[in-house]
């Protein structure tokens, strides 16, 4: 599946006038994305039978924020090279 998205992005980036391209698992604002249950440090878990605390998640590709025109005030946009060099640790 990753190759499919990579090929789409490369194709779109090659079109005349395209400055940036990216993909996401859900549209911004309009769609909730992937919902995941979470726990909050220092806060009790919901009682049995109560709904869990949920967070909306989106997976985006490098180029996504640039394609949306998001301005960066500090740091760096996501890059494949950065992802390969770092591992997330809780």
N, C-alpha and C. Protein backbone atom coordinates (compact mmCIF):
# COMPACT_ATOMS: atom_id res chain seq x y z
N UNK A 1 0.82 -1.19 0.00
CA UNK A 1 0.00 0.00 0.00
C UNK A 1 0.86 1.26 0.00
N UNK A 2 1.98 1.22 0.74
CA UNK A 2 2.86 2.39 0.79
C UNK A 2 3.39 2.74 -0.59
N UNK A 3 3.70 1.73 -1.39
CA UNK A 3 4.18 1.99 -2.76
C UNK A 3 3.11 2.69 -3.59
N UNK A 4 1.86 2.31 -3.40
CA UNK A 4 0.76 2.94 -4.14
C UNK A 4 0.73 4.44 -3.86
N UNK A 5 0.76 4.82 -2.58
CA UNK A 5 0.72 6.23 -2.21
C UNK A 5 1.97 6.96 -2.69
N UNK A 6 3.11 6.32 -2.57
CA UNK A 6 4.36 6.94 -3.03
C UNK A 6 4.28 7.23 -4.53
N UNK A 7 3.76 6.28 -5.30
CA UNK A 7 3.63 6.48 -6.75
C UNK A 7 2.65 7.60 -7.07
N UNK A 8 1.55 7.68 -6.35
CA UNK A 8 0.57 8.76 -6.56
C UNK A 8 1.22 10.11 -6.28
N UNK A 9 1.91 10.22 -5.15
CA UNK A 9 2.56 11.48 -4.79
C UNK A 9 3.60 11.87 -5.84
N UNK A 10 4.42 10.92 -6.26
CA UNK A 10 5.43 11.22 -7.27
C UNK A 10 4.79 11.67 -8.58
N UNK A 11 3.69 11.03 -8.96
CA UNK A 11 2.99 11.42 -10.19
C UNK A 11 2.44 12.84 -10.07
N UNK A 12 1.77 13.13 -8.97
CA UNK A 12 1.18 14.45 -8.78
C UNK A 12 2.27 15.52 -8.71
N UNK A 13 3.38 15.24 -8.02
CA UNK A 13 4.47 16.21 -7.93
C UNK A 13 5.06 16.52 -9.30
N UNK A 14 4.96 15.58 -10.23
CA UNK A 14 5.50 15.79 -11.57
C UNK A 14 4.59 16.58 -12.49
N UNK A 15 3.37 16.88 -12.06
CA UNK A 15 2.45 17.64 -12.90
C UNK A 15 2.85 19.12 -12.93
N UNK A 16 2.66 19.77 -14.07
CA UNK A 16 3.02 21.19 -14.18
C UNK A 16 2.28 22.04 -13.14
N UNK A 17 3.01 22.92 -12.49
CA UNK A 17 2.42 23.85 -11.53
C UNK A 17 2.28 23.32 -10.12
N UNK A 18 2.49 22.03 -9.91
CA UNK A 18 2.37 21.46 -8.56
C UNK A 18 3.63 21.79 -7.77
N UNK A 19 3.44 22.40 -6.60
CA UNK A 19 4.57 22.77 -5.75
C UNK A 19 4.80 21.77 -4.63
N UNK A 20 3.74 21.09 -4.20
CA UNK A 20 3.86 20.10 -3.12
C UNK A 20 2.67 19.15 -3.20
N UNK A 21 2.88 17.92 -2.73
CA UNK A 21 1.80 16.93 -2.71
C UNK A 21 1.96 16.05 -1.48
N UNK A 22 0.85 15.59 -0.95
CA UNK A 22 0.87 14.70 0.20
C UNK A 22 -0.46 13.99 0.33
N UNK A 23 -0.50 12.99 1.18
CA UNK A 23 -1.73 12.24 1.43
C UNK A 23 -1.98 12.15 2.93
N UNK A 24 -3.24 11.87 3.28
CA UNK A 24 -3.63 11.71 4.68
C UNK A 24 -4.73 10.67 4.77
N UNK A 25 -4.89 10.09 5.95
CA UNK A 25 -5.92 9.08 6.15
C UNK A 25 -7.31 9.69 6.27
N UNK A 26 -7.40 11.01 6.48
CA UNK A 26 -8.70 11.68 6.58
C UNK A 26 -8.53 13.14 6.19
N UNK A 27 -9.61 13.73 5.72
CA UNK A 27 -9.57 15.14 5.36
C UNK A 27 -9.47 16.00 6.62
N UNK A 28 -8.80 17.14 6.53
CA UNK A 28 -8.71 18.00 7.71
C UNK A 28 -10.09 18.54 8.10
N UNK A 29 -10.35 18.60 9.36
CA UNK A 29 -11.55 19.16 10.00
C UNK A 29 -12.82 18.35 9.73
N UNK A 30 -13.10 17.98 8.49
CA UNK A 30 -14.37 17.34 8.14
C UNK A 30 -14.51 15.90 8.60
N UNK A 31 -13.42 15.17 8.68
CA UNK A 31 -13.51 13.75 9.01
C UNK A 31 -12.75 13.48 10.30
N UNK A 32 -13.27 12.58 11.14
CA UNK A 32 -12.61 12.35 12.43
C UNK A 32 -11.29 11.59 12.35
N UNK A 33 -11.00 10.91 11.27
CA UNK A 33 -9.77 10.13 11.20
C UNK A 33 -9.93 8.82 11.95
N UNK A 34 -8.82 8.26 12.38
CA UNK A 34 -8.82 7.00 13.12
C UNK A 34 -9.02 7.34 14.59
N UNK A 35 -9.95 6.68 15.24
CA UNK A 35 -10.20 6.96 16.66
C UNK A 35 -9.56 5.86 17.49
N UNK A 36 -8.81 6.28 18.50
CA UNK A 36 -8.11 5.34 19.37
C UNK A 36 -8.41 5.67 20.82
N UNK A 37 -8.60 4.62 21.63
CA UNK A 37 -8.77 4.81 23.06
C UNK A 37 -7.42 5.17 23.67
N UNK A 38 -7.44 5.99 24.70
CA UNK A 38 -6.19 6.36 25.36
C UNK A 38 -6.39 6.49 26.85
N UNK A 39 -5.27 6.50 27.55
CA UNK A 39 -5.29 6.74 28.99
C UNK A 39 -4.54 8.04 29.24
N UNK A 40 -4.90 8.71 30.32
CA UNK A 40 -4.28 9.97 30.68
C UNK A 40 -3.59 9.79 32.02
N UNK A 41 -2.28 10.07 32.05
CA UNK A 41 -1.53 9.95 33.30
C UNK A 41 -2.19 10.76 34.40
N UNK A 42 -2.35 10.16 35.56
CA UNK A 42 -2.92 10.85 36.70
C UNK A 42 -4.43 10.89 36.71
N UNK A 43 -5.07 10.32 35.72
CA UNK A 43 -6.54 10.31 35.66
C UNK A 43 -7.01 8.87 35.61
N UNK A 44 -8.04 8.56 36.38
CA UNK A 44 -8.55 7.18 36.45
C UNK A 44 -9.17 6.78 35.11
N UNK A 45 -9.03 5.50 34.78
CA UNK A 45 -9.68 4.97 33.58
C UNK A 45 -11.19 5.03 33.77
N UNK A 46 -11.96 5.10 32.69
CA UNK A 46 -13.42 5.09 32.81
C UNK A 46 -13.89 3.80 33.51
N UNK A 47 -14.96 3.92 34.25
CA UNK A 47 -15.53 2.76 34.94
C UNK A 47 -16.01 1.74 33.91
N UNK A 48 -16.05 0.45 34.29
CA UNK A 48 -16.55 -0.56 33.36
C UNK A 48 -17.93 -0.18 32.83
N UNK A 49 -18.11 -0.34 31.54
CA UNK A 49 -19.38 0.02 30.90
C UNK A 49 -19.44 1.46 30.42
N UNK A 50 -18.49 2.28 30.86
CA UNK A 50 -18.44 3.68 30.41
C UNK A 50 -17.58 3.77 29.15
N UNK A 51 -17.87 4.72 28.27
CA UNK A 51 -17.07 4.83 27.05
C UNK A 51 -15.64 5.27 27.36
N UNK A 52 -14.68 4.79 26.58
CA UNK A 52 -13.30 5.21 26.80
C UNK A 52 -13.07 6.63 26.31
N UNK A 53 -11.97 7.22 26.75
CA UNK A 53 -11.55 8.51 26.22
C UNK A 53 -10.95 8.23 24.84
N UNK A 54 -11.40 8.97 23.83
CA UNK A 54 -10.95 8.73 22.47
C UNK A 54 -10.16 9.92 21.93
N UNK A 55 -9.22 9.63 21.06
CA UNK A 55 -8.46 10.66 20.36
C UNK A 55 -8.55 10.40 18.87
N UNK A 56 -8.69 11.45 18.10
CA UNK A 56 -8.68 11.33 16.64
C UNK A 56 -7.24 11.36 16.16
N UNK A 57 -6.89 10.42 15.30
CA UNK A 57 -5.54 10.34 14.75
C UNK A 57 -5.61 10.43 13.24
N UNK A 58 -4.58 11.00 12.67
CA UNK A 58 -4.43 11.01 11.22
C UNK A 58 -3.00 10.64 10.90
N UNK A 59 -2.83 9.86 9.86
CA UNK A 59 -1.51 9.54 9.36
C UNK A 59 -1.32 10.38 8.11
N UNK A 60 -0.20 11.11 8.04
CA UNK A 60 0.06 11.96 6.89
C UNK A 60 1.44 11.64 6.31
N UNK A 61 1.60 11.96 5.06
CA UNK A 61 2.87 11.72 4.39
C UNK A 61 3.74 12.97 4.45
N UNK A 62 5.05 12.78 4.23
CA UNK A 62 5.89 13.97 4.05
C UNK A 62 5.31 14.78 2.89
N UNK A 63 5.31 16.07 3.00
CA UNK A 63 4.75 16.93 1.97
C UNK A 63 3.32 17.35 2.25
N UNK A 64 2.64 16.68 3.18
CA UNK A 64 1.24 16.97 3.47
C UNK A 64 1.05 18.41 3.95
N UNK A 65 1.81 18.82 4.96
CA UNK A 65 1.64 20.17 5.51
C UNK A 65 2.05 21.24 4.51
N UNK A 66 3.10 20.97 3.77
CA UNK A 66 3.54 21.92 2.74
C UNK A 66 2.44 22.07 1.67
N UNK A 67 1.80 20.96 1.29
CA UNK A 67 0.73 21.01 0.29
C UNK A 67 -0.47 21.80 0.79
N UNK A 68 -0.72 21.78 2.09
CA UNK A 68 -1.82 22.55 2.67
C UNK A 68 -1.46 24.02 2.85
N UNK A 69 -0.19 24.35 2.66
CA UNK A 69 0.24 25.73 2.85
C UNK A 69 0.50 26.09 4.29
N UNK A 70 0.72 25.07 5.13
CA UNK A 70 1.00 25.32 6.55
C UNK A 70 2.39 25.94 6.66
N UNK A 71 2.47 27.06 7.36
CA UNK A 71 3.75 27.72 7.56
C UNK A 71 4.44 27.13 8.78
N UNK A 72 5.73 26.98 8.70
CA UNK A 72 6.52 26.40 9.78
C UNK A 72 7.27 27.52 10.47
N UNK A 73 7.05 27.69 11.78
CA UNK A 73 7.72 28.76 12.51
C UNK A 73 9.02 28.30 13.16
N UNK A 74 9.17 26.99 13.36
CA UNK A 74 10.40 26.44 13.95
C UNK A 74 10.49 24.97 13.59
N UNK A 75 11.68 24.42 13.64
CA UNK A 75 11.87 23.00 13.38
C UNK A 75 11.90 22.69 11.90
N UNK A 76 11.39 21.52 11.54
CA UNK A 76 11.46 21.05 10.17
C UNK A 76 10.22 20.22 9.85
N UNK A 77 9.81 20.23 8.59
CA UNK A 77 8.72 19.37 8.18
C UNK A 77 9.16 17.91 8.23
N UNK A 78 8.20 16.98 8.27
CA UNK A 78 8.51 15.56 8.25
C UNK A 78 9.23 15.20 6.96
N UNK A 79 10.23 14.36 7.09
CA UNK A 79 10.93 13.85 5.91
C UNK A 79 11.14 12.36 6.10
N UNK A 80 11.15 11.62 5.02
CA UNK A 80 11.38 10.17 5.08
C UNK A 80 12.71 9.90 5.77
N UNK A 81 13.74 10.67 5.47
CA UNK A 81 15.06 10.45 6.06
C UNK A 81 15.01 10.57 7.58
N UNK A 82 14.27 11.55 8.08
CA UNK A 82 14.13 11.74 9.53
C UNK A 82 13.44 10.54 10.15
N UNK A 83 12.38 10.05 9.51
CA UNK A 83 11.64 8.90 10.02
C UNK A 83 12.53 7.67 10.13
N UNK A 84 13.36 7.45 9.15
CA UNK A 84 14.22 6.27 9.14
C UNK A 84 15.32 6.36 10.20
N UNK A 85 15.74 7.57 10.55
CA UNK A 85 16.83 7.75 11.52
C UNK A 85 16.36 7.68 12.96
N UNK A 86 15.10 8.01 13.21
CA UNK A 86 14.60 8.08 14.58
C UNK A 86 13.60 6.98 14.86
N UNK A 87 13.54 6.59 16.08
CA UNK A 87 12.55 5.63 16.55
C UNK A 87 11.77 6.30 17.67
N UNK A 88 10.45 6.17 17.65
CA UNK A 88 9.63 6.75 18.70
C UNK A 88 9.82 5.94 19.97
N UNK A 89 9.98 6.64 21.07
CA UNK A 89 10.10 5.99 22.38
C UNK A 89 9.17 6.69 23.35
N UNK A 90 8.37 5.92 24.08
CA UNK A 90 7.47 6.55 25.06
C UNK A 90 8.24 7.17 26.21
